[in-house]
Amino acid sequence: MKRQLIIIMSSAISVLLAACTTLPRDQRLGSVTEVSDHQLQLCFDSQTAAPTAGQQVQLVRRQQIGNPKFAPTFRERPVGTAQIGADVSGRCVAATLIQGKARRFDEVHPALSMREPR
């Protein structure tokens, strides 16, 4: 009986931790696939709306924080702003980095005026 209780409690805790570390996917538009100086290639997810030419987007980096012995927790940090180029015909579009520094695999989010890149 005691062993079953421990197993149930540990599985419930692991499920809760996993639910707490997941991010809302409705805010994510896509990701950065290539970086060359101030030129970026952004690939958008298939379930998001198509980007418009000249639209500004925010680049967000997810970093793992905390003790690596426990369940991973992530922190989102805005790292830059980009403007989408004129050709928006495909799922991947060219963009120009306006502010900040970008790396490959950074996430693309809608531009928020309240969040400033660090």
C-alpha atoms as a PDB file:
ATOM      1  CA  MET A   1       0.000   0.000   0.000  1.00  0.00           C
ATOM      2  CA  LYS A   2       2.761   2.415   0.892  1.00  0.00           C
ATOM      3  CA  ARG A   3       4.691   1.602  -2.279  1.00  0.00           C
ATOM      4  CA  GLN A   4       1.627   2.275  -4.458  1.00  0.00           C
ATOM      5  CA  LEU A   5       1.063   5.621  -2.753  1.00  0.00           C
ATOM      6  CA  ILE A   6       4.666   6.647  -3.423  1.00  0.00           C
ATOM      7  CA  ILE A   7       4.381   5.629  -7.084  1.00  0.00           C
ATOM      8  CA  ILE A   8       1.116   7.520  -7.534  1.00  0.00           C
ATOM      9  CA  MET A   9       2.466  10.648  -5.817  1.00  0.00           C
ATOM     10  CA  SER A  10       5.712  10.653  -7.802  1.00  0.00           C
ATOM     11  CA  SER A  11       3.895  10.216 -11.118  1.00  0.00           C
ATOM     12  CA  ALA A  12       1.446  13.003 -10.218  1.00  0.00           C
ATOM     13  CA  ILE A  13       4.319  15.334  -9.358  1.00  0.00           C
ATOM     14  CA  SER A  14       6.135  14.548 -12.602  1.00  0.00           C
ATOM     15  CA  VAL A  15       2.979  15.243 -14.630  1.00  0.00           C
ATOM     16  CA  LEU A  16       2.471  18.560 -12.842  1.00  0.00           C
ATOM     17  CA  LEU A  17       6.090  19.577 -13.419  1.00  0.00           C
ATOM     18  CA  ALA A  18       5.838  18.723 -17.098  1.00  0.00           C
ATOM     19  CA  ALA A  19       2.652  20.779 -17.418  1.00  0.00           C
ATOM     20  CA  CYS A  20       4.272  23.762 -15.699  1.00  0.00           C
ATOM     21  CA  THR A  21       7.308  23.788 -17.990  1.00  0.00           C
ATOM     22  CA  THR A  22       5.392  23.737 -21.270  1.00  0.00           C
ATOM     23  CA  LEU A  23       4.853  27.059 -22.999  1.00  0.00           C
ATOM     24  CA  PRO A  24       1.646  28.195 -24.610  1.00  0.00           C
ATOM     25  CA  ARG A  25       2.099  27.323 -28.280  1.00  0.00           C
ATOM     26  CA  ASP A  26      -0.379  29.981 -29.458  1.00  0.00           C
ATOM     27  CA  GLN A  27       2.269  32.674 -28.921  1.00  0.00           C
ATOM     28  CA  ARG A  28       4.965  30.933 -30.978  1.00  0.00           C
ATOM     29  CA  LEU A  29       4.916  31.676 -34.693  1.00  0.00           C
ATOM     30  CA  GLY A  30       8.013  29.792 -35.826  1.00  0.00           C
ATOM     31  CA  SER A  31      11.791  29.722 -35.457  1.00  0.00           C
ATOM     32  CA  VAL A  32      15.018  31.154 -36.861  1.00  0.00           C
ATOM     33  CA  THR A  33      16.661  28.679 -39.231  1.00  0.00           C
ATOM     34  CA  GLU A  34      19.587  30.695 -40.613  1.00  0.00           C
ATOM     35  CA  VAL A  35      21.554  33.698 -39.392  1.00  0.00           C
ATOM     36  CA  SER A  36      23.992  35.623 -41.588  1.00  0.00           C
ATOM     37  CA  ASP A  37      25.057  38.984 -40.144  1.00  0.00           C
ATOM     38  CA  HIS A  38      21.762  40.944 -40.014  1.00  0.00           C
ATOM     39  CA  GLN A  39      19.919  38.697 -42.492  1.00  0.00           C
ATOM     40  CA  LEU A  40      17.719  35.964 -41.072  1.00  0.00           C
ATOM     41  CA  GLN A  41      15.599  33.177 -42.438  1.00  0.00           C
ATOM     42  CA  LEU A  42      12.444  32.592 -40.411  1.00  0.00           C
ATOM     43  CA  CYS A  43      10.341  29.478 -40.882  1.00  0.00           C
ATOM     44  CA  PHE A  44       6.768  29.718 -39.660  1.00  0.00           C
ATOM     45  CA  ASP A  45       4.725  26.836 -38.264  1.00  0.00           C
ATOM     46  CA  SER A  46       2.061  25.402 -40.559  1.00  0.00           C
ATOM     47  CA  GLN A  47      -0.783  26.118 -38.123  1.00  0.00           C
ATOM     48  CA  THR A  48       0.009  29.851 -37.760  1.00  0.00           C
ATOM     49  CA  ALA A  49      -1.282  32.629 -39.997  1.00  0.00           C
ATOM     50  CA  ALA A  50       0.902  33.641 -42.918  1.00  0.00           C
ATOM     51  CA  PRO A  51       3.215  36.581 -42.172  1.00  0.00           C
ATOM     52  CA  THR A  52       2.798  39.932 -43.911  1.00  0.00           C
ATOM     53  CA  ALA A  53       5.550  41.913 -45.598  1.00  0.00           C
ATOM     54  CA  GLY A  54       7.046  44.496 -43.263  1.00  0.00           C
ATOM     55  CA  GLN A  55       5.629  42.872 -40.124  1.00  0.00           C
ATOM     56  CA  GLN A  56       7.849  43.116 -37.063  1.00  0.00           C
ATOM     57  CA  VAL A  57       8.365  40.031 -34.932  1.00  0.00           C
ATOM     58  CA  GLN A  58      10.167  39.433 -31.679  1.00  0.00           C
ATOM     59  CA  LEU A  59      12.928  36.860 -31.279  1.00  0.00           C
ATOM     60  CA  VAL A  60      12.824  34.926 -28.019  1.00  0.00           C
ATOM     61  CA  ARG A  61      15.419  32.530 -26.655  1.00  0.00           C
ATOM     62  CA  ARG A  62      14.495  29.688 -24.296  1.00  0.00           C
ATOM     63  CA  GLN A  63      17.119  28.902 -21.688  1.00  0.00           C
ATOM     64  CA  GLN A  64      17.101  26.040 -19.236  1.00  0.00           C
ATOM     65  CA  ILE A  65      17.500  27.156 -15.652  1.00  0.00           C
ATOM     66  CA  GLY A  66      17.696  25.368 -12.354  1.00  0.00           C
ATOM     67  CA  ASN A  67      19.373  22.236 -11.148  1.00  0.00           C
ATOM     68  CA  PRO A  68      19.989  19.675 -13.932  1.00  0.00           C
ATOM     69  CA  LYS A  69      19.230  16.835 -11.518  1.00  0.00           C
ATOM     70  CA  PHE A  70      15.555  17.843 -11.383  1.00  0.00           C
ATOM     71  CA  ALA A  71      12.905  18.320 -14.054  1.00  0.00           C
ATOM     72  CA  PRO A  72      13.931  21.012 -16.550  1.00  0.00           C
ATOM     73  CA  THR A  73      12.486  24.481 -16.251  1.00  0.00           C
ATOM     74  CA  PHE A  74      12.822  27.066 -18.969  1.00  0.00           C
ATOM     75  CA  ARG A  75      12.916  30.835 -19.065  1.00  0.00           C
ATOM     76  CA  GLU A  76      11.979  32.915 -22.094  1.00  0.00           C
ATOM     77  CA  ARG A  77      14.154  35.923 -22.783  1.00  0.00           C
ATOM     78  CA  PRO A  78      13.561  38.419 -25.607  1.00  0.00           C
ATOM     79  CA  VAL A  79      16.797  38.829 -27.575  1.00  0.00           C
ATOM     80  CA  GLY A  80      15.881  40.891 -30.624  1.00  0.00           C
ATOM     81  CA  THR A  81      13.428  42.289 -33.121  1.00  0.00           C
ATOM     82  CA  ALA A  82      13.240  41.464 -36.822  1.00  0.00           C
ATOM     83  CA  GLN A  83      11.298  42.813 -39.782  1.00  0.00           C
ATOM     84  CA  ILE A  84       9.963  40.431 -42.408  1.00  0.00           C
ATOM     85  CA  GLY A  85      11.025  41.105 -46.001  1.00  0.00           C
ATOM     86  CA  ALA A  86       8.906  41.632 -49.099  1.00  0.00           C
ATOM     87  CA  ASP A  87       8.736  37.999 -50.305  1.00  0.00           C
ATOM     88  CA  VAL A  88       6.281  36.126 -48.085  1.00  0.00           C
ATOM     89  CA  SER A  89       5.179  33.484 -50.584  1.00  0.00           C
ATOM     90  CA  GLY A  90       6.447  30.427 -48.715  1.00  0.00           C
ATOM     91  CA  ARG A  91       6.574  29.026 -45.223  1.00  0.00           C
ATOM     92  CA  CYS A  92      10.156  30.311 -44.792  1.00  0.00           C
ATOM     93  CA  VAL A  93      10.757  34.025 -45.305  1.00  0.00           C
ATOM     94  CA  ALA A  94      13.728  36.375 -45.259  1.00  0.00           C
ATOM     95  CA  ALA A  95      13.924  38.958 -42.500  1.00  0.00           C
ATOM     96  CA  THR A  96      16.252  41.715 -41.370  1.00  0.00           C
ATOM     97  CA  LEU A  97      17.466  41.948 -37.794  1.00  0.00           C
ATOM     98  CA  ILE A  98      16.559  45.389 -36.471  1.00  0.00           C
ATOM     99  CA  GLN A  99      17.693  45.145 -32.875  1.00  0.00           C
ATOM    100  CA  GLY A 100      19.501  42.652 -30.664  1.00  0.00           C
ATOM    101  CA  LYS A 101      21.356  39.446 -31.485  1.00  0.00           C
ATOM    102  CA  ALA A 102      19.849  36.351 -33.022  1.00  0.00           C
ATOM    103  CA  ARG A 103      20.915  32.725 -33.008  1.00  0.00           C
ATOM    104  CA  ARG A 104      19.710  29.722 -34.866  1.00  0.00           C
ATOM    105  CA  PHE A 105      16.721  28.003 -33.193  1.00  0.00           C
ATOM    106  CA  ASP A 106      15.491  31.208 -31.488  1.00  0.00           C
ATOM    107  CA  GLU A 107      11.703  31.310 -31.433  1.00  0.00           C
ATOM    108  CA  VAL A 108       9.657  33.871 -33.358  1.00  0.00           C
ATOM    109  CA  HIS A 109       6.814  35.548 -31.438  1.00  0.00           C
ATOM    110  CA  PRO A 110       4.474  38.421 -32.290  1.00  0.00           C
ATOM    111  CA  ALA A 111       6.083  41.788 -31.581  1.00  0.00           C
ATOM    112  CA  LEU A 112       5.107  43.173 -28.196  1.00  0.00           C
ATOM    113  CA  SER A 113       5.767  46.823 -27.487  1.00  0.00           C
ATOM    114  CA  MET A 114       6.149  46.175 -23.760  1.00  0.00           C
ATOM    115  CA  ARG A 115       8.992  43.635 -23.976  1.00  0.00           C
ATOM    116  CA  GLU A 116      12.447  45.035 -24.684  1.00  0.00           C
ATOM    117  CA  PRO A 117      15.356  42.868 -25.895  1.00  0.00           C
ATOM    118  CA  ARG A 118      18.270  42.577 -23.459  1.00  0.00           C
END
